[in-house]
Amino acid sequence: MTEKPVPTIYPETRHFWDGAAAGKLLLQFCTECRKHYFPPRPFCPYCGGRAVEIVEASGLGRLYSYTISHLPTPGYEPPFVVAVVMLDEGVKMLANIVDCPPEPEALALDMPLEVTFEARGAFFIPQFRPLGSLQ
């Protein structure tokens, strides 16, 4: 099996990946309209403001949507779950669901999830697992 892909780091995303390496899920927060947002960018997608702070997210969320992929994908053994997670901060994030069978019976919409980080070489990739599951 080939290795899983790793991100390309840009100046706008460096804080996110540095946080992940430290086991923290970092988001940006606009101090003008008071909203969190993701993915990282130098301005708020809601109001266009540039008064942006980097804050640590709770790492908790809920399963918003998902698909179970049965297709061969470099670095992944099918079947695997690709999901949209709604973080408690109101931000949607695309990630894999781990520590959970890739079966519809195990993937209830709105199920509580928690972040975990998968090491890929020098990178740590945020993934989500059912809240309270063993690592």
N, C-alpha and C. Protein backbone atom coordinates (compact mmCIF):
# COMPACT_ATOMS: atom_id res chain seq x y z
N MET A 1 0.85 -1.18 0.00
CA MET A 1 0.00 0.00 0.00
C MET A 1 0.90 1.25 0.00
N THR A 2 0.52 2.25 -0.75
CA THR A 2 1.27 3.50 -0.76
C THR A 2 0.97 4.28 0.53
N GLU A 3 1.84 5.23 0.81
CA GLU A 3 1.64 6.04 2.01
C GLU A 3 0.49 7.01 1.82
N LYS A 4 -0.14 7.35 2.92
CA LYS A 4 -1.22 8.34 2.88
C LYS A 4 -0.63 9.71 2.52
N PRO A 5 -1.42 10.54 1.86
CA PRO A 5 -0.92 11.86 1.49
C PRO A 5 -0.68 12.74 2.71
N VAL A 6 0.20 13.70 2.54
CA VAL A 6 0.49 14.69 3.59
C VAL A 6 0.19 16.07 3.01
N PRO A 7 -0.09 17.02 3.88
CA PRO A 7 -0.47 18.35 3.40
C PRO A 7 0.72 19.14 2.88
N THR A 8 0.42 20.13 2.09
CA THR A 8 1.37 21.17 1.73
C THR A 8 1.09 22.32 2.68
N ILE A 9 2.12 22.80 3.31
CA ILE A 9 1.93 23.88 4.29
C ILE A 9 2.21 25.23 3.62
N TYR A 10 1.25 26.13 3.79
CA TYR A 10 1.37 27.50 3.29
C TYR A 10 1.42 28.43 4.50
N PRO A 11 1.88 29.67 4.32
CA PRO A 11 1.93 30.59 5.47
C PRO A 11 0.58 30.71 6.19
N GLU A 12 -0.53 30.69 5.43
CA GLU A 12 -1.86 30.84 6.02
C GLU A 12 -2.28 29.62 6.85
N THR A 13 -1.65 28.47 6.61
CA THR A 13 -2.05 27.24 7.30
C THR A 13 -1.02 26.76 8.32
N ARG A 14 0.12 27.41 8.38
CA ARG A 14 1.21 26.95 9.27
C ARG A 14 0.72 26.79 10.71
N HIS A 15 -0.04 27.75 11.24
CA HIS A 15 -0.51 27.67 12.63
C HIS A 15 -1.36 26.41 12.85
N PHE A 16 -2.18 26.06 11.86
CA PHE A 16 -3.05 24.89 11.99
C PHE A 16 -2.22 23.61 12.13
N TRP A 17 -1.21 23.45 11.27
CA TRP A 17 -0.39 22.24 11.30
C TRP A 17 0.55 22.21 12.49
N ASP A 18 1.05 23.38 12.91
CA ASP A 18 1.86 23.42 14.13
C ASP A 18 1.01 23.03 15.34
N GLY A 19 -0.23 23.50 15.38
CA GLY A 19 -1.13 23.12 16.46
C GLY A 19 -1.42 21.63 16.46
N ALA A 20 -1.66 21.06 15.28
CA ALA A 20 -1.93 19.62 15.18
C ALA A 20 -0.73 18.82 15.68
N ALA A 21 0.47 19.27 15.37
CA ALA A 21 1.68 18.58 15.85
C ALA A 21 1.76 18.61 17.37
N ALA A 22 1.15 19.62 17.99
CA ALA A 22 1.12 19.73 19.45
C ALA A 22 -0.14 19.10 20.05
N GLY A 23 -0.94 18.43 19.21
CA GLY A 23 -2.15 17.78 19.70
C GLY A 23 -3.30 18.75 19.93
N LYS A 24 -3.29 19.89 19.23
CA LYS A 24 -4.33 20.89 19.39
C LYS A 24 -5.03 21.14 18.05
N LEU A 25 -6.33 21.26 18.10
CA LEU A 25 -7.10 21.61 16.92
C LEU A 25 -7.33 23.12 16.97
N LEU A 26 -6.67 23.84 16.07
CA LEU A 26 -6.74 25.29 16.08
C LEU A 26 -7.66 25.81 14.98
N LEU A 27 -8.45 26.79 15.33
CA LEU A 27 -9.34 27.46 14.39
C LEU A 27 -9.01 28.95 14.40
N GLN A 28 -9.57 29.65 13.45
CA GLN A 28 -9.47 31.09 13.46
C GLN A 28 -10.80 31.67 13.94
N PHE A 29 -10.71 32.80 14.60
CA PHE A 29 -11.88 33.46 15.17
C PHE A 29 -11.82 34.94 14.80
N CYS A 30 -12.89 35.43 14.17
CA CYS A 30 -12.98 36.83 13.78
C CYS A 30 -13.46 37.64 14.97
N THR A 31 -12.66 38.61 15.40
CA THR A 31 -13.07 39.43 16.53
C THR A 31 -14.07 40.51 16.13
N GLU A 32 -14.28 40.70 14.82
CA GLU A 32 -15.26 41.69 14.37
C GLU A 32 -16.68 41.12 14.38
N CYS A 33 -16.88 39.94 13.76
CA CYS A 33 -18.24 39.37 13.72
C CYS A 33 -18.42 38.23 14.72
N ARG A 34 -17.34 37.89 15.45
CA ARG A 34 -17.39 36.90 16.54
C ARG A 34 -17.73 35.50 16.07
N LYS A 35 -17.17 35.09 14.90
CA LYS A 35 -17.42 33.75 14.38
C LYS A 35 -16.11 33.00 14.18
N HIS A 36 -16.15 31.69 14.46
CA HIS A 36 -15.04 30.80 14.12
C HIS A 36 -15.15 30.45 12.64
N TYR A 37 -14.00 30.12 12.04
CA TYR A 37 -14.06 29.64 10.66
C TYR A 37 -12.91 28.69 10.34
N PHE A 38 -13.14 27.93 9.29
CA PHE A 38 -12.19 26.95 8.77
C PHE A 38 -12.59 26.71 7.31
N PRO A 39 -11.67 26.50 6.41
CA PRO A 39 -10.22 26.37 6.56
C PRO A 39 -9.55 27.72 6.79
N PRO A 40 -8.27 27.65 7.21
CA PRO A 40 -7.53 28.87 7.52
C PRO A 40 -7.40 29.80 6.31
N ARG A 41 -7.51 31.08 6.59
CA ARG A 41 -7.28 32.13 5.59
C ARG A 41 -7.03 33.44 6.35
N PRO A 42 -6.44 34.42 5.70
CA PRO A 42 -6.05 35.64 6.42
C PRO A 42 -7.19 36.62 6.68
N PHE A 43 -8.41 36.32 6.24
CA PHE A 43 -9.53 37.22 6.45
C PHE A 43 -10.77 36.39 6.75
N CYS A 44 -11.74 36.99 7.38
CA CYS A 44 -12.97 36.30 7.75
C CYS A 44 -13.85 36.09 6.52
N PRO A 45 -14.32 34.85 6.29
CA PRO A 45 -15.18 34.60 5.13
C PRO A 45 -16.60 35.15 5.31
N TYR A 46 -16.95 35.54 6.52
CA TYR A 46 -18.30 36.05 6.79
C TYR A 46 -18.39 37.56 6.59
N CYS A 47 -17.42 38.29 7.16
CA CYS A 47 -17.51 39.75 7.11
C CYS A 47 -16.33 40.40 6.39
N GLY A 48 -15.32 39.61 6.02
CA GLY A 48 -14.16 40.15 5.33
C GLY A 48 -13.16 40.80 6.26
N GLY A 49 -13.44 40.77 7.56
CA GLY A 49 -12.55 41.39 8.54
C GLY A 49 -11.20 40.72 8.61
N ARG A 50 -10.22 41.49 9.01
CA ARG A 50 -8.87 40.96 9.15
C ARG A 50 -8.41 40.92 10.61
N ALA A 51 -9.31 41.23 11.53
CA ALA A 51 -9.01 41.13 12.95
C ALA A 51 -9.30 39.69 13.37
N VAL A 52 -8.31 38.84 13.18
CA VAL A 52 -8.49 37.40 13.34
C VAL A 52 -7.55 36.89 14.43
N GLU A 53 -8.08 36.04 15.29
CA GLU A 53 -7.28 35.38 16.33
C GLU A 53 -7.24 33.89 16.06
N ILE A 54 -6.20 33.24 16.54
CA ILE A 54 -6.10 31.78 16.47
C ILE A 54 -6.47 31.26 17.85
N VAL A 55 -7.45 30.36 17.88
CA VAL A 55 -7.96 29.83 19.15
C VAL A 55 -7.97 28.31 19.10
N GLU A 56 -7.86 27.70 20.27
CA GLU A 56 -7.94 26.24 20.35
C GLU A 56 -9.40 25.81 20.42
N ALA A 57 -9.77 24.90 19.54
CA ALA A 57 -11.13 24.34 19.54
C ALA A 57 -11.23 23.29 20.64
N SER A 58 -12.46 22.98 20.99
CA SER A 58 -12.69 21.95 22.01
C SER A 58 -12.27 20.57 21.53
N GLY A 59 -12.27 20.37 20.21
CA GLY A 59 -11.96 19.04 19.67
C GLY A 59 -13.17 18.13 19.65
N LEU A 60 -14.33 18.69 20.00
CA LEU A 60 -15.57 17.91 20.03
C LEU A 60 -16.49 18.35 18.89
N GLY A 61 -17.27 17.41 18.41
CA GLY A 61 -18.21 17.72 17.36
C GLY A 61 -19.21 16.60 17.18
N ARG A 62 -19.94 16.68 16.06
CA ARG A 62 -20.97 15.69 15.75
C ARG A 62 -20.87 15.32 14.29
N LEU A 63 -21.24 14.09 14.00
CA LEU A 63 -21.23 13.62 12.62
C LEU A 63 -22.34 14.30 11.85
N TYR A 64 -21.97 15.10 10.86
CA TYR A 64 -22.92 15.87 10.07
C TYR A 64 -23.33 15.11 8.81
N SER A 65 -22.34 14.50 8.16
CA SER A 65 -22.58 13.75 6.93
C SER A 65 -21.38 12.84 6.70
N TYR A 66 -21.55 11.81 5.89
CA TYR A 66 -20.42 10.92 5.61
C TYR A 66 -20.68 10.12 4.35
N THR A 67 -19.60 9.54 3.87
CA THR A 67 -19.68 8.54 2.82
C THR A 67 -18.70 7.43 3.17
N ILE A 68 -19.03 6.25 2.79
CA ILE A 68 -18.12 5.11 2.98
C ILE A 68 -17.53 4.82 1.61
N SER A 69 -16.23 5.01 1.50
CA SER A 69 -15.56 4.79 0.22
C SER A 69 -15.11 3.34 0.11
N HIS A 70 -15.48 2.73 -1.00
CA HIS A 70 -15.05 1.37 -1.30
C HIS A 70 -14.05 1.36 -2.45
N LEU A 71 -13.64 2.54 -2.87
CA LEU A 71 -12.72 2.67 -4.00
C LEU A 71 -11.27 2.65 -3.54
N PRO A 72 -10.40 2.05 -4.33
CA PRO A 72 -8.98 2.10 -4.00
C PRO A 72 -8.50 3.55 -4.04
N THR A 73 -7.82 3.95 -3.00
CA THR A 73 -7.30 5.31 -2.88
C THR A 73 -5.89 5.21 -2.32
N PRO A 74 -4.93 5.92 -2.90
CA PRO A 74 -3.54 5.80 -2.39
C PRO A 74 -3.45 6.02 -0.89
N GLY A 75 -2.92 5.02 -0.22
CA GLY A 75 -2.69 5.10 1.22
C GLY A 75 -3.84 4.64 2.09
N TYR A 76 -4.98 4.36 1.51
CA TYR A 76 -6.16 3.97 2.29
C TYR A 76 -6.61 2.57 1.89
N GLU A 77 -6.99 1.80 2.87
CA GLU A 77 -7.52 0.46 2.65
C GLU A 77 -9.04 0.54 2.70
N PRO A 78 -9.71 0.31 1.57
CA PRO A 78 -11.17 0.38 1.60
C PRO A 78 -11.76 -0.78 2.40
N PRO A 79 -12.90 -0.60 2.98
CA PRO A 79 -13.68 0.64 3.03
C PRO A 79 -13.17 1.56 4.13
N PHE A 80 -13.36 2.86 3.92
CA PHE A 80 -13.01 3.86 4.93
C PHE A 80 -14.05 4.98 4.87
N VAL A 81 -14.12 5.73 5.95
CA VAL A 81 -15.16 6.75 6.09
C VAL A 81 -14.57 8.15 5.88
N VAL A 82 -15.20 8.90 5.01
CA VAL A 82 -14.90 10.32 4.82
C VAL A 82 -16.13 11.07 5.33
N ALA A 83 -15.91 11.99 6.25
CA ALA A 83 -17.05 12.62 6.92
C ALA A 83 -16.92 14.13 6.97
N VAL A 84 -18.07 14.76 7.13
CA VAL A 84 -18.14 16.17 7.48
C VAL A 84 -18.51 16.18 8.96
N VAL A 85 -17.67 16.81 9.75
CA VAL A 85 -17.88 16.91 11.19
C VAL A 85 -18.26 18.35 11.51
N MET A 86 -19.34 18.53 12.25
CA MET A 86 -19.74 19.85 12.72
C MET A 86 -19.14 20.03 14.11
N LEU A 87 -18.12 20.86 14.19
CA LEU A 87 -17.48 21.11 15.47
C LEU A 87 -18.41 21.88 16.40
N ASP A 88 -18.19 21.74 17.70
CA ASP A 88 -19.01 22.46 18.68
C ASP A 88 -18.94 23.97 18.47
N GLU A 89 -17.88 24.43 17.83
CA GLU A 89 -17.71 25.86 17.56
C GLU A 89 -18.51 26.33 16.34
N GLY A 90 -19.25 25.41 15.69
CA GLY A 90 -20.08 25.78 14.55
C GLY A 90 -19.38 25.72 13.21
N VAL A 91 -18.23 25.10 13.16
CA VAL A 91 -17.42 25.00 11.95
C VAL A 91 -17.49 23.57 11.41
N LYS A 92 -17.64 23.43 10.10
CA LYS A 92 -17.62 22.10 9.48
C LYS A 92 -16.20 21.79 9.02
N MET A 93 -15.81 20.53 9.24
CA MET A 93 -14.47 20.08 8.88
C MET A 93 -14.57 18.72 8.21
N LEU A 94 -13.84 18.52 7.14
CA LEU A 94 -13.78 17.24 6.46
C LEU A 94 -12.68 16.41 7.09
N ALA A 95 -12.97 15.16 7.42
CA ALA A 95 -11.98 14.28 8.06
C ALA A 95 -12.42 12.84 7.90
N ASN A 96 -11.53 11.94 8.25
CA ASN A 96 -11.89 10.53 8.30
C ASN A 96 -12.41 10.21 9.69
N ILE A 97 -13.29 9.21 9.76
CA ILE A 97 -13.74 8.68 11.04
C ILE A 97 -12.95 7.41 11.28
N VAL A 98 -12.32 7.33 12.43
CA VAL A 98 -11.49 6.18 12.79
C VAL A 98 -12.03 5.54 14.06
N ASP A 99 -11.52 4.35 14.39
CA ASP A 99 -11.94 3.62 15.58
C ASP A 99 -13.44 3.35 15.58
N CYS A 100 -13.98 3.13 14.39
CA CYS A 100 -15.40 2.89 14.22
C CYS A 100 -15.57 2.05 12.95
N PRO A 101 -16.38 1.00 12.99
CA PRO A 101 -16.57 0.21 11.77
C PRO A 101 -17.12 1.06 10.63
N PRO A 102 -16.61 0.88 9.42
CA PRO A 102 -17.11 1.66 8.28
C PRO A 102 -18.42 1.07 7.76
N GLU A 103 -19.43 1.11 8.61
CA GLU A 103 -20.74 0.53 8.29
C GLU A 103 -21.83 1.52 8.69
N PRO A 104 -22.88 1.65 7.90
CA PRO A 104 -23.95 2.59 8.25
C PRO A 104 -24.53 2.37 9.64
N GLU A 105 -24.58 1.13 10.10
CA GLU A 105 -25.14 0.83 11.42
C GLU A 105 -24.31 1.47 12.55
N ALA A 106 -23.03 1.71 12.29
CA ALA A 106 -22.15 2.27 13.32
C ALA A 106 -22.00 3.78 13.22
N LEU A 107 -22.54 4.36 12.15
CA LEU A 107 -22.32 5.78 11.87
C LEU A 107 -23.64 6.55 11.93
N ALA A 108 -24.10 6.82 13.11
CA ALA A 108 -25.36 7.55 13.28
C ALA A 108 -25.12 9.04 13.10
N LEU A 109 -25.91 9.66 12.25
CA LEU A 109 -25.80 11.11 12.10
C LEU A 109 -26.04 11.76 13.46
N ASP A 110 -25.29 12.80 13.72
CA ASP A 110 -25.34 13.56 14.97
C ASP A 110 -24.63 12.85 16.12
N MET A 111 -23.95 11.71 15.85
CA MET A 111 -23.24 11.03 16.93
C MET A 111 -22.08 11.91 17.41
N PRO A 112 -21.82 11.94 18.72
CA PRO A 112 -20.74 12.76 19.25
C PRO A 112 -19.37 12.19 18.86
N LEU A 113 -18.48 13.09 18.50
CA LEU A 113 -17.14 12.72 18.05
C LEU A 113 -16.10 13.55 18.80
N GLU A 114 -14.87 13.03 18.80
CA GLU A 114 -13.75 13.76 19.37
C GLU A 114 -12.56 13.65 18.42
N VAL A 115 -11.74 14.68 18.42
CA VAL A 115 -10.59 14.70 17.53
C VAL A 115 -9.50 13.77 18.06
N THR A 116 -8.77 13.20 17.14
CA THR A 116 -7.55 12.46 17.42
C THR A 116 -6.60 12.81 16.30
N PHE A 117 -5.33 12.59 16.49
CA PHE A 117 -4.36 12.99 15.47
C PHE A 117 -3.59 11.78 14.98
N GLU A 118 -3.55 11.62 13.66
CA GLU A 118 -2.85 10.51 13.03
C GLU A 118 -1.49 10.99 12.55
N ALA A 119 -0.44 10.34 13.03
CA ALA A 119 0.92 10.70 12.61
C ALA A 119 1.16 10.20 11.19
N ARG A 120 1.65 11.09 10.35
CA ARG A 120 2.07 10.75 8.99
C ARG A 120 3.42 11.41 8.78
N GLY A 121 4.47 10.68 9.09
CA GLY A 121 5.80 11.26 9.02
C GLY A 121 5.90 12.39 10.02
N ALA A 122 6.25 13.58 9.54
CA ALA A 122 6.39 14.75 10.41
C ALA A 122 5.06 15.46 10.64
N PHE A 123 3.99 14.99 10.03
CA PHE A 123 2.69 15.65 10.14
C PHE A 123 1.76 14.89 11.07
N PHE A 124 0.81 15.63 11.63
CA PHE A 124 -0.23 15.04 12.45
C PHE A 124 -1.56 15.52 11.87
N ILE A 125 -2.36 14.57 11.42
CA ILE A 125 -3.58 14.87 10.69
C ILE A 125 -4.79 14.70 11.61
N PRO A 126 -5.62 15.73 11.75
CA PRO A 126 -6.82 15.58 12.57
C PRO A 126 -7.78 14.56 11.94
N GLN A 127 -8.22 13.64 12.76
CA GLN A 127 -9.23 12.65 12.40
C GLN A 127 -10.24 12.68 13.54
N PHE A 128 -11.37 12.03 13.36
CA PHE A 128 -12.36 11.99 14.44
C PHE A 128 -12.75 10.57 14.74
N ARG A 129 -13.11 10.33 15.97
CA ARG A 129 -13.56 9.02 16.43
C ARG A 129 -14.77 9.22 17.33
N PRO A 130 -15.57 8.17 17.51
CA PRO A 130 -16.71 8.30 18.44
C PRO A 130 -16.21 8.74 19.82
N LEU A 131 -16.94 9.65 20.41
CA LEU A 131 -16.56 10.17 21.73
C LEU A 131 -16.46 9.04 22.73
N GLY A 132 -15.31 8.99 23.42
CA GLY A 132 -15.11 7.97 24.44
C GLY A 132 -14.58 6.65 23.94
N SER A 133 -14.36 6.50 22.62
CA SER A 133 -13.83 5.22 22.12
C SER A 133 -12.36 5.10 22.50
N LEU A 134 -11.90 3.91 22.59
CA LEU A 134 -10.50 3.68 22.94
C LEU A 134 -9.63 3.93 21.73
N GLN A 135 -8.45 4.46 21.98
CA GLN A 135 -7.52 4.76 20.90
C GLN A 135 -6.72 3.56 20.53
